[in-house]
Amino acid sequence: MFVTLLTGGAGQLTPDIASAIDKRPVSAALFCSRTGLKGDEQVSTRFHGGPERALHYYPAEHYPVWRQWFEGMGLTDSRERLVPGAFGENLSGTGLTEDNACIGDVFRLGDALVQISQPRSPCYKLNARFGHDFFSVLVQANGRTGWLLRVLEEGMVPPAANVELVERPCPGMPVRRAGDIVFNRGFDADGLRELAGLEHLSPNWRKKAADYLAAGRVDDWTLRLLGPKATQS
C-alpha cells in the first residue's frame, strides 16, 4: 500500500494557541530520522514528537466519515477543513486502520523502518483546528485517533511511499483495543495490566497503565481534551 507524506511548520490556530497540526503533502523525498521527517515541526514537545512519537499516521478512510458527520450536523465550515494533514498526520493512506494495525507492527517505509508505538491521544488543539469544542472528545470516544510510530532505521522516504508490513509481534493488541483500554472502558484492570507489560508499547503508555493500576483509577483528561480554560474556575 502507498501513503502520502506530509509535514508542517508552527503557526497560530488561535491568538493564544500555537501548533504545527496543519500538515501539507510534500513533493520531494525527505530524510526520516529517529525524531521524524526533515523539516517537520512540533510546538509542544512535551506532548508531541521525540523518538517514541516521531511520526503520526492517520487513516484516510476516516475523512469521509468526518465529512458526513460535519455535514449531518450542519457544520459546513468545519467540513471544508477536512483535507489531508488536517489531523496533524505525517502519513496518510488507505488499508490500515486502528482495527487492523497493531501495537509493535514494523513497516518498511521507503528506506526507513518504522514501528507503531502507541495510539494518538487527541487534545484540545483539534477543537481549535476544527472550530468546535468537544471534537477531541468525539475523536477519542470513537477510536478514530490514528497512531504514533518510532523510527527503527533512518532513511529517505519518497513523497508517495510504499508501506510494507515486516513484522507483527503483538497481533492481539490492535491500536483501537489499546486506546479503548485506556480511554473508553473506565477502569479496566486486566487490560491495563496487559498494556503495562507490553514490551513494544511506548514507555510513556506503559507507565500510564502502571500508574492507573496503582491508583485504582484512570486520569481526568479534561485539561488534555478541552484545554486550560476548561479547568479554570
Protein backbone atom coordinates (compact mmCIF):
# COMPACT_ATOMS: atom_id res chain seq x y z
CA MET A 1 0.00 0.00 0.00
CA PHE A 2 1.07 3.59 -0.58
CA VAL A 3 0.93 6.54 1.80
CA THR A 4 1.20 10.28 1.32
CA LEU A 5 4.00 12.07 3.17
CA LEU A 6 3.07 15.30 4.98
CA THR A 7 4.94 17.90 7.04
CA GLY A 8 4.18 21.27 8.57
CA GLY A 9 5.57 24.23 10.43
CA ALA A 10 4.42 26.05 13.54
CA GLY A 11 1.63 28.61 13.37
CA GLN A 12 -1.24 30.08 15.36
CA LEU A 13 -4.53 28.17 15.48
CA THR A 14 -5.98 30.94 17.62
CA PRO A 15 -4.37 34.04 19.13
CA ASP A 16 -3.41 32.02 22.21
CA ILE A 17 -2.86 28.51 20.76
CA ALA A 18 0.26 27.72 18.70
CA SER A 19 0.51 24.41 16.85
CA ALA A 20 2.06 22.61 13.90
CA ILE A 21 -1.04 20.45 13.39
CA ASP A 22 -1.62 21.77 9.86
CA LYS A 23 0.43 19.38 7.70
CA ARG A 24 0.70 19.52 3.91
CA PRO A 25 1.77 16.92 1.30
CA VAL A 26 5.40 17.15 0.23
CA SER A 27 6.69 16.96 -3.33
CA ALA A 28 10.16 15.52 -2.77
CA ALA A 29 11.77 12.69 -0.82
CA LEU A 30 12.63 13.53 2.81
CA PHE A 31 15.08 12.08 5.30
CA CYS A 32 13.36 10.30 8.18
CA SER A 33 15.49 10.45 11.31
CA ARG A 34 14.86 8.98 14.77
CA THR A 35 12.84 12.10 15.57
CA GLY A 36 10.84 12.33 12.36
CA LEU A 37 10.79 13.85 8.91
CA LYS A 38 13.23 16.57 7.94
CA GLY A 39 11.52 19.96 8.08
CA ASP A 40 8.58 18.82 10.18
CA GLU A 41 7.93 20.75 13.39
CA GLN A 42 6.18 20.26 16.72
CA VAL A 43 5.29 23.04 19.14
CA SER A 44 4.51 21.35 22.46
CA THR A 45 7.48 18.98 22.54
CA ARG A 46 6.50 17.68 25.97
CA PHE A 47 3.48 16.03 24.35
CA HIS A 48 4.43 15.81 20.67
CA GLY A 49 7.46 14.49 18.82
CA GLY A 50 10.53 12.72 20.14
CA PRO A 51 11.77 9.19 19.42
CA GLU A 52 8.56 7.42 20.51
CA ARG A 53 6.33 9.88 18.63
CA ALA A 54 8.44 10.56 15.58
CA LEU A 55 5.63 10.06 13.06
CA HIS A 56 1.85 10.23 13.12
CA TYR A 57 -0.31 8.06 10.86
CA TYR A 58 -3.96 8.94 10.27
CA PRO A 59 -6.13 6.64 8.13
CA ALA A 60 -7.52 8.31 5.03
CA GLU A 61 -10.66 6.16 5.46
CA HIS A 62 -11.73 8.41 8.31
CA TYR A 63 -12.05 11.57 6.26
CA PRO A 64 -15.33 10.61 4.52
CA VAL A 65 -16.76 9.66 7.93
CA TRP A 66 -15.90 13.05 9.39
CA ARG A 67 -17.21 14.87 6.32
CA GLN A 68 -20.52 13.04 6.68
CA TRP A 69 -20.67 13.85 10.39
CA PHE A 70 -19.95 17.55 9.92
CA GLU A 71 -22.49 17.71 7.09
CA GLY A 72 -25.10 15.96 9.20
CA MET A 73 -24.52 18.47 11.99
CA GLY A 74 -24.77 21.37 9.55
CA LEU A 75 -21.16 22.37 10.29
CA THR A 76 -20.12 23.05 6.72
CA ASP A 77 -17.29 25.41 7.66
CA SER A 78 -15.53 22.60 9.54
CA ARG A 79 -16.21 20.09 6.78
CA GLU A 80 -14.19 22.23 4.38
CA ARG A 81 -11.12 21.90 6.63
CA LEU A 82 -11.06 18.14 6.10
CA VAL A 83 -8.11 17.89 3.73
CA PRO A 84 -5.07 15.57 4.05
CA GLY A 85 -2.98 16.65 7.04
CA ALA A 86 -5.92 18.15 8.94
CA PHE A 87 -5.31 15.86 11.92
CA GLY A 88 -1.60 16.61 12.03
CA GLU A 89 -0.57 13.38 10.36
CA ASN A 90 2.76 12.78 8.63
CA LEU A 91 1.48 9.65 6.89
CA SER A 92 -1.94 9.07 5.36
CA GLY A 93 -3.19 6.18 3.28
CA THR A 94 -5.89 3.54 2.91
CA GLY A 95 -5.74 -0.08 4.01
CA LEU A 96 -4.66 0.40 7.62
CA THR A 97 -6.98 1.48 10.41
CA GLU A 98 -6.95 1.23 14.20
CA ASP A 99 -8.77 -2.11 13.84
CA ASN A 100 -6.13 -3.90 11.76
CA ALA A 101 -2.91 -2.09 12.74
CA CYS A 102 -1.34 -3.39 15.94
CA ILE A 103 1.00 -2.03 18.58
CA GLY A 104 4.52 -3.13 17.63
CA ASP A 105 3.82 -3.51 13.91
CA VAL A 106 7.04 -2.92 11.95
CA PHE A 107 6.83 -1.42 8.45
CA ARG A 108 9.33 -0.70 5.71
CA LEU A 109 8.69 2.92 4.68
CA GLY A 110 10.94 3.82 1.78
CA ASP A 111 14.47 3.30 3.11
CA ALA A 112 13.30 3.74 6.72
CA LEU A 113 12.00 1.11 9.13
CA VAL A 114 9.24 2.27 11.49
CA GLN A 115 7.18 0.72 14.29
CA ILE A 116 3.82 1.57 15.86
CA SER A 117 4.49 2.72 19.42
CA GLN A 118 1.13 3.95 20.78
CA PRO A 119 -2.30 5.32 19.88
CA ARG A 120 -2.54 9.07 19.35
CA SER A 121 -4.00 10.93 22.34
CA PRO A 122 -6.38 13.59 20.99
CA CYS A 123 -6.05 17.03 22.56
CA TYR A 124 -7.84 20.37 22.65
CA LYS A 125 -5.91 21.63 19.63
CA LEU A 126 -8.23 19.52 17.47
CA ASN A 127 -11.07 21.66 18.82
CA ALA A 128 -9.22 24.81 17.79
CA ARG A 129 -8.32 23.29 14.42
CA PHE A 130 -11.94 22.49 13.53
CA GLY A 131 -13.61 25.28 15.46
CA HIS A 132 -15.78 23.17 17.77
CA ASP A 133 -15.35 22.35 21.46
CA PHE A 134 -15.58 18.65 22.36
CA PHE A 135 -14.42 17.45 18.93
CA SER A 136 -11.39 15.93 20.66
CA VAL A 137 -13.74 14.03 22.97
CA LEU A 138 -15.59 12.60 19.98
CA VAL A 139 -12.35 11.53 18.30
CA GLN A 140 -11.20 9.78 21.47
CA ALA A 141 -14.53 8.10 22.13
CA ASN A 142 -14.97 6.64 18.64
CA GLY A 143 -11.37 5.44 18.35
CA ARG A 144 -10.53 7.27 15.12
CA THR A 145 -7.35 8.63 16.67
CA GLY A 146 -4.60 7.38 14.39
CA TRP A 147 -1.32 6.26 15.93
CA LEU A 148 2.29 7.24 16.50
CA LEU A 149 5.45 5.50 15.35
CA ARG A 150 9.10 5.23 16.34
CA VAL A 151 11.87 5.02 13.74
CA LEU A 152 13.99 1.86 13.99
CA GLU A 153 16.14 2.60 10.94
CA GLU A 154 16.64 6.03 9.43
CA GLY A 155 16.43 6.61 5.68
CA MET A 156 14.99 8.55 2.79
CA VAL A 157 11.24 8.36 2.19
CA PRO A 158 9.61 9.38 -1.13
CA PRO A 159 6.51 11.63 -1.12
CA ALA A 160 4.31 8.69 -2.16
CA ALA A 161 5.89 5.86 -0.19
CA ASN A 162 5.18 2.17 -0.29
CA VAL A 163 4.45 0.72 3.16
CA GLU A 164 5.20 -2.96 3.67
CA LEU A 165 4.44 -4.89 6.86
CA VAL A 166 7.63 -6.61 8.03
CA GLU A 167 6.70 -7.96 11.45
CA ARG A 168 3.65 -8.18 13.74
CA PRO A 169 4.78 -9.14 17.26
CA CYS A 170 1.52 -8.22 19.05
CA PRO A 171 -1.41 -9.40 16.88
CA GLY A 172 -3.72 -9.39 19.90
CA MET A 173 -3.30 -5.65 20.55
CA PRO A 174 -4.78 -3.59 17.71
CA VAL A 175 -4.40 0.14 18.14
CA ARG A 176 -8.13 0.53 18.78
CA ARG A 177 -8.05 -2.02 21.61
CA ALA A 178 -5.10 -0.27 23.28
CA GLY A 179 -6.88 3.06 23.04
CA ASP A 180 -10.16 1.65 24.32
CA ILE A 181 -8.48 0.11 27.37
CA VAL A 182 -7.05 3.47 28.40
CA PHE A 183 -9.74 5.85 27.15
CA ASN A 184 -13.12 4.15 26.87
CA ARG A 185 -13.54 1.33 29.38
CA GLY A 186 -13.50 3.09 32.73
CA PHE A 187 -11.06 1.19 34.93
CA ASP A 188 -10.11 -1.99 33.04
CA ALA A 189 -7.59 -3.60 35.40
CA ASP A 190 -6.93 -6.67 33.24
CA GLY A 191 -6.42 -4.59 30.12
CA LEU A 192 -4.17 -2.12 31.93
CA ARG A 193 -2.02 -4.97 33.26
CA GLU A 194 -1.66 -6.26 29.70
CA LEU A 195 -0.58 -2.82 28.46
CA ALA A 196 1.83 -2.27 31.34
CA GLY A 197 3.65 -5.47 30.36
CA LEU A 198 3.55 -4.93 26.59
CA GLU A 199 7.19 -4.62 25.52
CA HIS A 200 6.50 -2.87 22.21
CA LEU A 201 4.21 -0.20 23.67
CA SER A 202 5.90 3.16 24.30
CA PRO A 203 7.41 3.59 27.80
CA ASN A 204 5.08 6.53 28.42
CA TRP A 205 1.97 4.46 27.77
CA ARG A 206 3.30 1.51 29.77
CA LYS A 207 3.91 3.86 32.70
CA LYS A 208 0.47 5.38 32.24
CA ALA A 209 -1.10 1.93 32.51
CA ALA A 210 1.00 1.03 35.57
CA ASP A 211 0.16 4.34 37.27
CA TYR A 212 -3.56 3.81 36.67
CA LEU A 213 -3.32 0.34 38.18
CA ALA A 214 -1.51 1.67 41.24
CA ALA A 215 -4.05 4.47 41.70
CA GLY A 216 -7.06 2.26 41.03
CA ARG A 217 -8.45 4.77 38.54
CA VAL A 218 -7.68 6.45 35.23
CA ASP A 219 -6.78 10.11 34.76
CA ASP A 220 -9.06 13.09 34.46
CA TRP A 221 -8.49 14.12 30.83
CA THR A 222 -10.27 17.48 30.96
CA LEU A 223 -7.08 19.51 30.52
CA ARG A 224 -5.81 17.46 27.56
CA LEU A 225 -9.15 17.25 25.78
CA LEU A 226 -10.63 20.68 26.46
CA GLY A 227 -7.62 22.87 27.25
CA PRO A 228 -6.54 25.14 30.11
CA LYS A 229 -9.68 27.29 30.01
CA ALA A 230 -11.85 24.27 30.86
CA THR A 231 -10.04 23.79 34.18
CA GLN A 232 -10.24 27.43 35.26
CA SER A 233 -12.90 28.23 37.79
